[in-house]
N, C-alpha and C. Protein backbone atom coordinates (compact mmCIF):
# COMPACT_ATOMS: atom_id res chain seq x y z
N SER A 1 112.32 3.26 102.59
CA SER A 1 112.63 2.36 103.57
C SER A 1 111.68 2.80 104.86
N LEU A 2 112.11 1.46 105.42
CA LEU A 2 111.39 1.68 106.64
C LEU A 2 111.85 2.95 107.71
N GLY A 3 112.90 3.44 107.37
CA GLY A 3 113.94 4.39 108.57
C GLY A 3 115.33 4.11 109.16
N THR A 4 115.80 4.66 109.78
CA THR A 4 116.85 4.46 110.30
C THR A 4 117.14 4.21 111.83
N ALA A 5 118.51 3.55 112.09
CA ALA A 5 118.59 3.54 114.16
C ALA A 5 120.26 3.56 113.86
N THR A 6 120.42 4.25 115.17
CA THR A 6 121.59 4.96 115.17
C THR A 6 121.91 4.86 116.49
N ASN A 7 123.03 4.73 117.48
CA ASN A 7 123.42 5.51 118.83
C ASN A 7 124.62 5.91 118.83
N ASP A 8 124.54 6.91 119.78
CA ASP A 8 125.84 7.26 120.28
C ASP A 8 126.67 6.85 121.55
N SER A 9 126.31 5.69 122.22
CA SER A 9 126.25 5.54 123.32
C SER A 9 125.63 5.92 124.31
N ARG A 10 124.84 7.04 124.24
CA ARG A 10 123.98 7.31 125.58
C ARG A 10 122.67 7.60 124.95
N PHE A 11 122.20 8.06 123.88
CA PHE A 11 121.03 7.87 122.70
C PHE A 11 121.11 6.72 121.82
N TYR A 12 119.65 6.67 121.86
CA TYR A 12 119.39 5.28 120.86
C TYR A 12 118.59 5.94 120.08
N TYR A 13 118.05 5.90 118.72
CA TYR A 13 117.54 7.00 118.04
C TYR A 13 116.92 5.77 116.61
N PHE A 14 115.77 5.78 116.83
CA PHE A 14 114.45 5.67 115.39
C PHE A 14 114.46 6.16 115.06
N ASN A 15 114.38 6.91 113.99
CA ASN A 15 114.30 7.60 113.02
C ASN A 15 112.80 6.43 111.59
N ILE A 16 111.86 6.64 112.11
CA ILE A 16 110.50 5.85 111.33
C ILE A 16 110.06 6.75 110.58
N THR A 17 110.06 6.53 109.11
CA THR A 17 109.47 7.25 108.43
C THR A 17 108.03 7.02 107.95
N THR A 18 107.00 7.86 108.07
CA THR A 18 105.60 7.74 107.94
C THR A 18 105.17 7.12 107.11
N GLY A 19 104.37 6.16 107.50
CA GLY A 19 103.25 5.15 107.18
C GLY A 19 104.13 3.70 107.34
N ASN A 20 104.84 3.87 108.20
CA ASN A 20 106.18 2.52 108.51
C ASN A 20 105.91 2.39 109.90
N THR A 21 106.04 0.83 110.28
CA THR A 21 105.46 0.58 111.74
C THR A 21 107.16 -0.09 112.02
N LEU A 22 107.99 0.12 112.87
CA LEU A 22 109.02 -0.79 113.39
C LEU A 22 108.36 -1.57 114.98
N GLN A 23 108.19 -3.32 114.66
CA GLN A 23 107.88 -3.88 115.67
C GLN A 23 109.24 -4.38 116.51
N VAL A 24 109.32 -4.00 117.77
CA VAL A 24 110.21 -4.55 118.57
C VAL A 24 109.83 -5.99 119.29
N SER A 25 110.06 -6.77 119.29
CA SER A 25 109.10 -7.92 120.33
C SER A 25 110.18 -8.60 121.49
N ASN A 26 109.82 -8.17 122.37
CA ASN A 26 110.58 -8.52 123.64
C ASN A 26 111.66 -6.69 123.96
N ALA A 27 111.84 -6.23 125.20
CA ALA A 27 112.43 -5.21 125.52
C ALA A 27 114.31 -5.38 124.97
N ILE A 28 114.24 -4.31 124.23
CA ILE A 28 115.67 -3.64 123.79
C ILE A 28 116.65 -3.97 125.00
N ALA A 29 118.12 -4.51 124.89
CA ALA A 29 118.89 -4.74 126.15
C ALA A 29 119.84 -2.98 125.39
N VAL A 30 120.24 -2.66 126.43
CA VAL A 30 121.20 -1.69 125.89
C VAL A 30 123.04 -1.99 126.50
N PRO A 31 123.77 -1.92 125.66
CA PRO A 31 124.94 -1.72 126.14
C PRO A 31 125.84 -1.71 127.43
N THR A 32 127.04 -2.76 127.56
CA THR A 32 127.33 -2.22 129.18
C THR A 32 127.70 -0.88 129.03
N GLY A 33 127.80 -0.14 130.09
CA GLY A 33 128.50 1.01 129.90
C GLY A 33 127.61 2.60 129.32
N ALA A 34 126.24 2.25 128.30
CA ALA A 34 125.04 3.35 128.25
C ALA A 34 124.36 3.49 129.04
N THR A 35 124.21 4.59 128.94
CA THR A 35 122.85 4.90 129.42
C THR A 35 121.80 4.65 129.07
N GLY A 36 121.59 4.61 127.93
CA GLY A 36 120.05 4.28 127.53
C GLY A 36 118.91 5.06 127.71
N LYS A 37 119.28 5.64 126.33
CA LYS A 37 117.57 6.74 126.55
C LYS A 37 117.19 7.02 124.75
N LEU A 38 116.50 6.45 124.79
CA LEU A 38 115.38 6.16 123.52
C LEU A 38 115.18 6.71 122.83
N VAL A 39 115.46 7.15 121.35
CA VAL A 39 114.67 8.42 120.95
C VAL A 39 113.80 7.89 120.02
N LEU A 40 112.74 8.51 119.54
CA LEU A 40 111.78 8.39 118.38
C LEU A 40 111.39 9.79 117.51
N THR A 41 111.85 9.84 116.14
CA THR A 41 111.57 10.25 115.89
C THR A 41 111.30 10.00 114.05
N GLY A 42 110.72 11.03 112.79
CA GLY A 42 110.05 10.93 112.05
C GLY A 42 108.38 10.82 112.48
N GLY A 43 107.83 10.23 111.22
CA GLY A 43 106.28 9.94 111.29
C GLY A 43 105.91 8.55 111.51
N GLY A 44 106.34 8.26 111.69
CA GLY A 44 106.16 6.11 111.97
C GLY A 44 105.77 6.13 113.03
N THR A 45 105.63 4.47 113.40
CA THR A 45 105.21 3.94 114.42
C THR A 45 106.26 3.10 115.40
N LEU A 46 106.66 3.34 115.97
CA LEU A 46 107.54 1.96 117.14
C LEU A 46 106.72 1.23 118.11
N LEU A 47 106.36 -0.09 117.77
CA LEU A 47 105.84 -0.66 118.81
C LEU A 47 106.71 -1.85 119.59
N LEU A 48 106.23 -0.98 120.81
CA LEU A 48 107.24 -2.35 121.91
C LEU A 48 106.51 -3.34 122.52
N GLN A 49 106.38 -4.22 122.28
CA GLN A 49 105.89 -5.84 123.26
C GLN A 49 106.72 -6.56 123.03
N GLY A 50 105.96 -7.87 123.95
CA GLY A 50 106.76 -8.88 124.61
C GLY A 50 106.58 -8.58 126.39
N SER A 51 107.47 -9.81 127.03
CA SER A 51 107.02 -10.14 127.91
C SER A 51 108.28 -10.67 128.29
N THR A 52 109.65 -10.23 127.75
CA THR A 52 111.00 -10.73 128.46
C THR A 52 111.68 -9.38 128.98
N ALA A 53 112.01 -9.32 129.84
CA ALA A 53 112.61 -8.07 130.33
C ALA A 53 114.44 -8.50 130.04
N PRO A 54 115.27 -7.09 129.28
CA PRO A 54 116.50 -7.34 129.29
C PRO A 54 117.48 -7.43 130.64
N THR A 55 118.65 -7.69 130.40
CA THR A 55 119.34 -7.57 131.76
C THR A 55 119.77 -5.84 131.95
N ARG A 56 119.48 -5.34 131.14
CA ARG A 56 119.66 -3.26 131.31
C ARG A 56 118.79 -3.11 130.16
N GLY A 57 117.66 -2.18 130.52
CA GLY A 57 116.96 -2.03 129.64
C GLY A 57 116.97 -0.77 129.67
N PHE A 58 116.09 0.12 128.93
CA PHE A 58 116.04 1.80 128.53
C PHE A 58 115.56 2.71 130.09
N GLY A 59 116.12 3.41 129.91
CA GLY A 59 115.15 4.43 131.10
C GLY A 59 114.48 5.29 130.37
N ASP A 60 114.90 6.82 129.83
CA ASP A 60 114.01 7.61 129.02
C ASP A 60 113.66 7.48 128.05
N LEU A 61 112.33 7.57 127.65
CA LEU A 61 111.90 7.50 126.24
C LEU A 61 111.63 9.21 125.81
N TYR A 62 112.43 9.13 124.85
CA TYR A 62 112.05 11.09 124.13
C TYR A 62 111.67 10.62 122.58
N VAL A 63 110.26 11.32 122.94
CA VAL A 63 109.48 11.35 121.13
C VAL A 63 108.98 12.57 120.83
N THR A 64 109.78 12.91 119.45
CA THR A 64 109.84 14.18 119.33
C THR A 64 109.02 14.34 117.77
N GLY A 65 108.47 12.94 117.20
CA GLY A 65 107.63 12.58 115.86
C GLY A 65 106.89 11.44 116.18
N GLY A 66 106.12 11.22 115.39
CA GLY A 66 105.62 9.62 114.99
C GLY A 66 104.85 8.94 116.60
N THR A 67 104.60 8.10 116.65
CA THR A 67 104.04 7.46 118.05
C THR A 67 104.60 6.24 118.16
N ALA A 68 104.85 6.44 119.44
CA ALA A 68 105.90 4.85 120.34
C ALA A 68 104.23 4.35 120.91
N GLN A 69 104.04 2.91 120.44
CA GLN A 69 103.13 2.17 120.88
C GLN A 69 103.16 1.27 121.98
N LEU A 70 102.89 1.12 123.48
CA LEU A 70 103.70 0.34 124.51
C LEU A 70 102.82 -1.09 124.42
N ASN A 71 103.22 -2.00 124.52
CA ASN A 71 102.36 -3.36 124.86
C ASN A 71 103.29 -4.12 125.68
N MET A 72 104.54 -3.82 126.66
CA MET A 72 104.82 -4.78 127.11
C MET A 72 104.13 -5.94 128.33
N SER A 73 104.12 -6.94 128.16
CA SER A 73 103.33 -7.73 129.13
C SER A 73 103.71 -8.25 130.23
N GLY A 74 103.45 -7.58 131.64
CA GLY A 74 104.32 -8.39 133.08
C GLY A 74 105.01 -7.18 133.50
N ILE A 75 106.18 -6.46 132.27
CA ILE A 75 107.29 -5.91 132.62
C ILE A 75 107.06 -4.46 132.23
N GLN A 76 108.07 -3.72 132.47
CA GLN A 76 107.51 -1.89 131.86
C GLN A 76 108.67 -1.74 130.69
N ALA A 77 107.59 -1.20 129.74
CA ALA A 77 108.37 -0.72 128.67
C ALA A 77 110.15 0.46 128.60
N MET A 78 109.96 1.07 129.67
CA MET A 78 110.70 2.47 130.16
C MET A 78 110.60 2.01 131.87
N THR A 79 111.63 2.68 132.30
CA THR A 79 111.96 2.59 133.48
C THR A 79 112.15 4.13 133.83
N GLY A 80 112.42 5.17 132.84
CA GLY A 80 112.41 6.51 133.23
C GLY A 80 111.27 7.09 133.16
N LYS A 81 111.68 8.75 132.67
CA LYS A 81 110.54 9.13 132.31
C LYS A 81 110.51 9.03 130.75
N LEU A 82 109.08 10.18 130.24
CA LEU A 82 108.80 9.71 128.71
C LEU A 82 108.54 11.52 128.82
N ILE A 83 109.68 11.87 128.07
CA ILE A 83 109.54 13.14 127.34
C ILE A 83 109.23 13.47 126.33
N MET A 84 108.00 14.36 125.90
CA MET A 84 107.63 14.59 124.56
C MET A 84 107.61 15.48 124.43
N SER A 85 107.82 15.82 122.75
CA SER A 85 107.70 17.69 121.82
C SER A 85 107.31 17.09 120.94
N SER A 86 107.15 18.74 120.26
CA SER A 86 106.58 18.40 119.06
C SER A 86 105.29 17.91 118.88
N THR A 87 105.27 16.87 117.91
CA THR A 87 104.13 16.23 117.41
C THR A 87 104.01 14.41 118.26
N GLY A 88 104.96 14.61 118.87
CA GLY A 88 104.89 12.83 119.56
C GLY A 88 103.89 12.27 119.94
N THR A 89 103.48 11.43 120.02
CA THR A 89 102.80 10.56 120.34
C THR A 89 103.08 9.31 121.02
N ILE A 90 102.86 9.07 122.63
CA ILE A 90 102.79 7.89 123.02
C ILE A 90 101.29 6.97 123.30
N THR A 91 100.87 5.65 122.78
CA THR A 91 99.90 5.21 123.13
C THR A 91 100.21 4.17 123.74
N TYR A 92 99.15 4.12 125.13
CA TYR A 92 99.04 2.17 125.90
C TYR A 92 98.65 1.61 125.19
N LEU A 93 98.95 0.41 124.83
CA LEU A 93 98.22 -0.50 124.53
C LEU A 93 97.78 -1.72 126.15
N GLN A 94 98.75 -1.71 126.96
CA GLN A 94 98.23 -2.21 128.26
C GLN A 94 98.81 -1.17 129.27
N SER A 95 98.47 -1.82 130.83
CA SER A 95 98.79 -1.09 131.52
C SER A 95 99.95 -0.91 132.30
N ASN A 96 100.22 -0.49 133.00
CA ASN A 96 101.58 -0.40 133.83
C ASN A 96 103.05 -0.01 132.77
N GLN A 97 103.37 0.74 132.40
CA GLN A 97 104.19 0.78 130.93
C GLN A 97 105.22 0.88 131.73
N VAL A 98 105.42 1.84 132.78
CA VAL A 98 106.76 2.55 132.90
C VAL A 98 106.65 2.45 134.38
N ALA A 99 107.94 2.84 135.27
CA ALA A 99 107.97 2.83 136.36
C ALA A 99 106.93 3.68 137.02
N THR A 100 106.98 3.46 138.17
CA THR A 100 105.77 3.70 139.37
C THR A 100 106.44 5.23 139.75
N ASN A 101 107.71 5.37 139.72
CA ASN A 101 107.84 7.00 140.74
C ASN A 101 108.68 7.88 138.56
N SER A 102 108.24 7.37 137.90
CA SER A 102 108.60 8.16 136.08
C SER A 102 107.72 9.18 136.41
N VAL A 103 108.00 10.03 135.30
CA VAL A 103 106.73 11.12 135.19
C VAL A 103 106.91 11.62 133.66
N TYR A 104 105.68 12.04 133.68
CA TYR A 104 105.39 12.68 132.04
C TYR A 104 106.31 13.91 132.09
N ARG A 105 106.61 14.24 131.06
CA ARG A 105 107.26 15.78 130.57
C ARG A 105 106.50 16.30 129.48
N LEU A 106 105.33 16.97 128.97
CA LEU A 106 105.52 17.23 127.67
C LEU A 106 105.56 18.98 126.86
N ASP A 107 105.81 18.96 125.94
CA ASP A 107 105.89 20.40 125.04
C ASP A 107 104.83 20.18 123.55
N ASP A 108 104.89 21.18 123.41
CA ASP A 108 104.02 21.32 121.80
C ASP A 108 102.74 20.41 121.97
N THR A 109 102.61 20.25 120.79
CA THR A 109 101.57 19.32 120.35
C THR A 109 101.20 17.87 120.58
N SER A 110 102.62 17.60 121.82
CA SER A 110 102.93 16.10 121.95
C SER A 110 101.77 15.49 122.57
N SER A 111 101.17 14.31 122.49
CA SER A 111 100.70 13.33 123.77
C SER A 111 101.02 12.37 124.48
N ILE A 112 100.05 11.76 125.04
CA ILE A 112 100.38 10.32 126.02
C ILE A 112 98.87 10.01 125.93
N ASP A 113 99.04 9.00 125.78
CA ASP A 113 97.21 8.48 125.86
C ASP A 113 96.87 6.95 126.31
N LEU A 114 96.36 6.60 127.68
CA LEU A 114 96.52 5.59 128.72
C LEU A 114 95.29 4.88 127.51
N ASN A 115 94.59 5.32 126.54
CA ASN A 115 94.11 4.47 125.95
C ASN A 115 92.72 3.41 126.63
N GLY A 116 92.44 3.92 128.00
CA GLY A 116 91.31 3.03 128.70
C GLY A 116 92.32 2.58 129.49
N ASN A 117 93.94 1.99 129.72
CA ASN A 117 94.77 1.98 130.32
C ASN A 117 95.18 2.15 131.72
N ASN A 118 95.35 1.88 132.46
CA ASN A 118 95.58 2.02 133.99
C ASN A 118 97.39 2.24 134.34
N GLN A 119 97.91 3.35 134.80
CA GLN A 119 99.37 3.59 135.21
C GLN A 119 99.51 4.26 136.37
N THR A 120 100.51 4.10 137.29
CA THR A 120 100.96 5.07 138.07
C THR A 120 102.62 5.58 138.03
N ILE A 121 102.29 6.73 138.28
CA ILE A 121 103.60 7.68 137.78
C ILE A 121 104.08 8.53 139.32
N GLY A 122 104.89 9.20 138.99
CA GLY A 122 104.76 10.01 140.02
C GLY A 122 104.33 11.76 139.96
N SER A 123 104.86 12.29 138.55
CA SER A 123 104.16 13.53 138.70
C SER A 123 103.96 13.77 136.97
N ILE A 124 103.67 15.02 136.59
CA ILE A 124 103.46 15.73 135.17
C ILE A 124 103.95 17.05 135.02
N SER A 125 104.38 16.99 134.61
CA SER A 125 104.57 18.72 133.69
C SER A 125 104.43 18.78 132.45
N PHE A 126 103.98 20.07 132.24
CA PHE A 126 103.52 20.51 130.88
C PHE A 126 104.50 22.19 130.19
N ASN A 127 104.44 22.04 129.07
CA ASN A 127 105.31 22.98 128.76
C ASN A 127 106.97 23.03 129.20
N ASN A 128 107.23 22.39 129.61
CA ASN A 128 108.67 22.44 129.98
C ASN A 128 109.53 22.95 129.21
N SER A 129 109.78 23.59 127.91
CA SER A 129 110.60 24.13 127.25
C SER A 129 110.85 25.86 127.84
N THR A 130 108.61 26.34 128.31
CA THR A 130 108.44 27.31 128.65
C THR A 130 108.67 28.34 127.67
N HIS A 131 108.71 28.12 126.45
CA HIS A 131 108.43 29.11 125.13
C HIS A 131 107.45 28.81 124.15
N ALA A 132 107.58 27.27 124.37
CA ALA A 132 105.95 26.69 123.25
C ALA A 132 105.00 26.97 123.47
N SER A 133 104.66 27.21 122.43
CA SER A 133 103.06 28.00 121.70
C SER A 133 101.64 26.67 122.45
N ASP A 134 102.23 25.78 122.42
CA ASP A 134 101.21 24.54 122.91
C ASP A 134 101.85 23.66 124.08
N ALA A 135 101.17 23.25 125.03
CA ALA A 135 101.24 22.86 126.46
C ALA A 135 101.35 21.32 126.51
N GLY A 136 100.53 20.52 125.68
CA GLY A 136 100.58 19.29 125.64
C GLY A 136 99.42 18.92 126.01
N THR A 137 99.41 17.23 126.04
CA THR A 137 97.85 16.40 126.22
C THR A 137 98.29 15.44 126.91
N VAL A 138 97.45 15.07 128.35
CA VAL A 138 97.06 13.69 128.57
C VAL A 138 96.04 13.38 128.19
N GLU A 139 95.47 12.02 127.58
CA GLU A 139 93.88 11.55 127.41
C GLU A 139 94.31 10.09 128.48
N LEU A 140 92.78 9.89 129.39
CA LEU A 140 92.99 8.75 129.77
C LEU A 140 91.92 7.78 129.40
N HIS A 141 90.96 8.13 128.46
CA HIS A 141 89.77 7.45 127.76
C HIS A 141 89.53 6.51 128.58
N GLY A 142 88.80 6.65 129.43
CA GLY A 142 88.19 5.50 130.59
C GLY A 142 89.54 4.82 132.04
N GLY A 143 90.80 5.22 131.46
CA GLY A 143 91.68 4.55 132.60
C GLY A 143 92.12 5.20 133.72
N THR A 144 92.71 4.64 134.24
CA THR A 144 93.10 5.47 135.75
C THR A 144 94.55 6.03 135.85
N LEU A 145 94.85 7.37 135.95
CA LEU A 145 96.10 7.45 135.82
C LEU A 145 96.07 8.11 137.38
N THR A 146 97.27 7.75 138.22
CA THR A 146 97.50 7.95 139.54
C THR A 146 99.07 8.35 139.83
N LEU A 147 98.48 9.31 140.50
CA LEU A 147 99.98 10.38 140.78
C LEU A 147 100.48 10.51 142.36
N SER A 148 101.87 9.87 142.56
CA SER A 148 102.19 9.74 143.86
C SER A 148 102.49 11.02 144.46
N SER A 149 103.23 11.55 143.70
CA SER A 149 103.86 12.43 144.11
C SER A 149 102.50 13.82 144.65
N ALA A 150 103.33 14.78 146.36
CA ALA A 150 102.87 15.68 146.69
C ALA A 150 102.23 17.00 145.62
N THR A 151 103.10 17.22 144.54
CA THR A 151 103.26 17.99 143.86
C THR A 151 103.14 17.16 142.37
N PRO A 152 101.60 16.85 142.23
CA PRO A 152 101.82 15.74 140.99
C PRO A 152 101.88 16.80 139.75
N ILE A 153 101.08 17.88 139.25
CA ILE A 153 101.11 18.74 138.32
C ILE A 153 101.36 20.27 138.09
N THR A 154 102.32 20.07 137.15
CA THR A 154 103.05 21.32 137.00
C THR A 154 103.00 22.16 135.84
N THR A 155 102.30 22.61 135.40
CA THR A 155 102.32 23.68 134.11
C THR A 155 102.96 24.88 133.55
N ASN A 156 103.90 25.29 133.11
CA ASN A 156 104.45 26.36 132.81
C ASN A 156 103.97 27.44 131.81
N ALA A 157 104.36 28.88 132.28
CA ALA A 157 103.42 29.59 131.21
C ALA A 157 103.18 29.55 130.07
N SER A 158 102.17 29.23 129.27
CA SER A 158 102.07 28.86 127.83
C SER A 158 100.90 29.82 127.21
N SER A 159 100.49 30.13 125.70
CA SER A 159 99.87 30.66 125.03
C SER A 159 98.66 29.51 125.18
N ASP A 160 98.78 28.30 125.41
CA ASP A 160 97.91 27.08 125.27
C ASP A 160 97.44 26.52 126.11
N THR A 161 96.62 25.62 126.41
CA THR A 161 96.03 25.18 127.49
C THR A 161 96.42 23.80 127.75
N ALA A 162 96.89 23.17 129.06
CA ALA A 162 97.78 22.22 129.41
C ALA A 162 95.87 21.11 129.35
N THR A 163 96.27 20.16 128.83
CA THR A 163 95.21 19.30 128.61
C THR A 163 95.10 17.64 129.51
N LEU A 164 94.36 17.56 130.43
CA LEU A 164 93.90 16.69 130.91
C LEU A 164 92.72 15.88 130.88
N SER A 165 92.71 14.62 130.05
CA SER A 165 91.35 14.61 129.42
C SER A 165 90.64 13.37 129.46
N GLY A 166 89.64 13.19 130.14
CA GLY A 166 89.22 11.89 130.38
C GLY A 166 88.68 11.18 128.86
N ASN A 167 88.58 11.97 127.92
CA ASN A 167 87.57 11.58 126.67
C ASN A 167 86.50 10.80 126.80
N GLY A 168 86.04 11.53 127.51
CA GLY A 168 84.19 10.77 127.35
C GLY A 168 84.09 9.86 128.75
N PRO A 169 84.63 8.51 128.71
CA PRO A 169 84.12 7.41 129.45
C PRO A 169 84.08 8.48 131.06
N SER A 170 83.38 7.30 131.46
CA SER A 170 83.09 7.94 132.96
C SER A 170 83.34 7.61 134.37
N SER A 171 84.63 7.21 133.72
CA SER A 171 85.20 5.80 134.52
C SER A 171 86.86 6.86 134.42
N SER A 172 87.26 7.54 133.79
CA SER A 172 88.51 8.25 133.59
C SER A 172 88.58 8.90 135.07
N THR A 173 89.76 8.75 135.67
CA THR A 173 89.73 9.31 136.67
C THR A 173 91.40 9.54 137.08
N LEU A 174 91.29 10.64 137.59
CA LEU A 174 92.97 10.95 137.95
C LEU A 174 92.76 10.99 139.48
N GLN A 175 93.73 10.00 140.12
CA GLN A 175 93.64 9.47 141.19
C GLN A 175 95.08 10.21 141.89
N LEU A 176 94.79 10.91 142.76
CA LEU A 176 95.97 11.85 143.54
C LEU A 176 96.29 11.16 144.84
N SER A 177 97.65 10.50 144.99
CA SER A 177 97.63 9.75 146.08
C SER A 177 98.17 10.57 147.23
N ALA A 178 98.95 11.73 147.07
CA ALA A 178 99.76 12.17 148.11
C ALA A 178 98.31 12.96 149.27
N SER A 179 98.15 13.09 150.59
CA SER A 179 97.41 13.29 152.01
C SER A 179 97.04 14.78 151.26
N THR A 180 97.73 15.44 150.61
CA THR A 180 97.71 17.10 150.33
C THR A 180 98.04 17.19 148.94
N ALA A 181 98.04 17.45 147.95
CA ALA A 181 98.28 17.13 146.34
C ALA A 181 98.29 18.98 145.92
N THR A 182 99.63 19.29 145.55
CA THR A 182 99.79 20.95 145.02
C THR A 182 99.66 20.99 143.38
N LEU A 183 98.87 21.69 143.03
CA LEU A 183 98.98 21.41 141.30
C LEU A 183 99.57 22.35 141.22
N THR A 184 100.62 22.59 140.54
CA THR A 184 100.91 24.38 140.06
C THR A 184 101.19 24.88 138.87
N VAL A 185 100.13 25.77 139.09
CA VAL A 185 99.69 26.43 137.29
C VAL A 185 100.01 27.92 137.72
N ASN A 186 100.82 27.81 136.88
CA ASN A 186 101.81 29.34 136.25
C ASN A 186 100.80 30.01 134.88
N ASP A 187 100.64 31.24 135.35
CA ASP A 187 99.56 31.82 133.96
C ASP A 187 100.31 32.23 133.08
N GLY A 188 99.90 31.76 132.49
CA GLY A 188 100.32 32.05 130.82
C GLY A 188 99.49 33.06 130.13
N SER A 189 99.53 33.22 128.54
CA SER A 189 98.16 34.03 127.69
C SER A 189 97.07 33.11 127.35
N ALA A 190 97.39 32.02 127.85
CA ALA A 190 95.91 31.31 127.15
C ALA A 190 94.46 31.78 128.32
N ALA A 191 93.47 31.59 127.87
CA ALA A 191 92.38 31.83 129.19
C ALA A 191 91.96 30.82 130.43
N MET A 192 92.00 29.35 129.57
CA MET A 192 92.61 28.29 130.71
C MET A 192 94.08 27.84 130.47
N ASP A 193 94.79 27.83 132.11
CA ASP A 193 96.03 27.50 131.79
C ASP A 193 96.26 25.89 131.97
N LEU A 194 94.74 25.72 132.35
CA LEU A 194 94.91 23.67 132.65
C LEU A 194 93.18 23.40 132.42
N ASP A 195 93.25 22.47 132.48
CA ASP A 195 92.11 21.87 131.83
C ASP A 195 91.98 20.44 132.21
N ILE A 196 91.37 20.15 133.60
CA ILE A 196 91.07 18.64 133.73
C ILE A 196 89.69 18.13 133.57
N SER A 197 89.25 17.61 132.54
CA SER A 197 87.80 16.77 132.65
C SER A 197 87.97 15.20 132.61
N ALA A 198 88.26 15.03 133.40
CA ALA A 198 88.35 13.59 134.03
C ALA A 198 87.77 13.54 135.97
N LYS A 199 87.32 12.42 136.74
CA LYS A 199 87.02 12.37 137.91
C LYS A 199 88.05 12.73 138.85
N ILE A 200 88.26 13.31 139.99
CA ILE A 200 89.55 13.97 140.62
C ILE A 200 89.66 13.06 141.94
N GLY A 201 90.47 12.09 142.46
CA GLY A 201 90.32 11.07 143.28
C GLY A 201 91.27 11.44 144.53
N GLY A 202 91.59 11.10 145.67
CA GLY A 202 92.06 11.72 146.31
C GLY A 202 91.85 12.46 147.55
N SER A 203 92.33 12.95 148.36
CA SER A 203 92.08 14.11 149.58
C SER A 203 92.07 15.44 149.61
N ALA A 204 93.05 16.17 149.59
CA ALA A 204 93.15 17.82 149.68
C ALA A 204 94.22 18.07 148.50
N VAL A 205 93.29 19.10 147.84
CA VAL A 205 94.15 19.53 146.33
C VAL A 205 94.25 20.94 146.79
N ILE A 206 95.57 21.42 146.51
CA ILE A 206 95.61 23.16 146.38
C ILE A 206 95.95 23.14 145.41
N LYS A 207 95.40 24.53 144.63
CA LYS A 207 95.93 25.31 143.95
C LYS A 207 97.04 26.03 143.83
N SER A 208 98.33 25.99 143.46
CA SER A 208 99.20 27.39 143.51
C SER A 208 99.71 27.74 142.50
N GLY A 209 100.51 28.63 142.14
CA GLY A 209 101.01 29.56 140.68
C GLY A 209 99.78 30.72 140.53
């Protein structure tokens, strides 16, 4: 079978089995009174696409396994946080898929791939569980990720390196909007706690932690 979909009025769960893809055309409406948090589990793929916004859309997207592909046209797939753990992956197929005040939160071997697209959010935090052996990865592949917060990146102590990778193309850019951006890099057992391999645009950068 493709998998299962369940809800408890707060969280909506899609458990998609490995090798399967669930395509959702147009945004999913949230019933009145529900908080609208979408959770993807399993090893399959959830493809969110379309151009029609629901009356009440989802806020946060949790991905603990499988891949969520974001392909909404002219509207946002999510208005809240992207919260990643375990082996979960998010891949952008178009730009600007979440609200500009959203945040990325990554743990374990999870990853978010802009796939050459552009996105503005508030901030990124790596290894939020503070006990994970891996810290998470953000990949740009030629896209531009703009962080508007004055504290745009936080890494908590880990035995692995938190990574923000341009992944090759020289156009990959991490743009820091604040006049002074403070990167908080807490010391873990990894030789390098944060590795940024993309162009950094902005004014002043301060490293703390």
